[in-house]
Amino acid sequence: MGNILGSYCAILYICLSTKLNHIMKNLQKLNRNKLKGIKGGNTTDIGYCPDSQTYIPCDELCPNRRNPLCAIQA
């Protein structure tokens, strides 16, 4: 019984790892233009609000009325 359970766990681990790899690759394909389309904004600059742990366009304010953390433009 122990060998069957161990084999089942190994197969389940491999399946979950493969699925997780696939999900991560799809997430990496998101770029700023796609995020712009999702958010519906006119800007491609997305910033992070630490207080609400959300991503918003850099030209908007976080819920705490502070500017989001955005990349420095070159």
Foldseek 3Di string as FASTA:
>chain_A
DVVVVVVVVVVVVVVVVVVVVVVVVVVVPDALVNVCVVQVHPDSWWFADPVVRDIDHQVDADPVRHGGHTDDDD
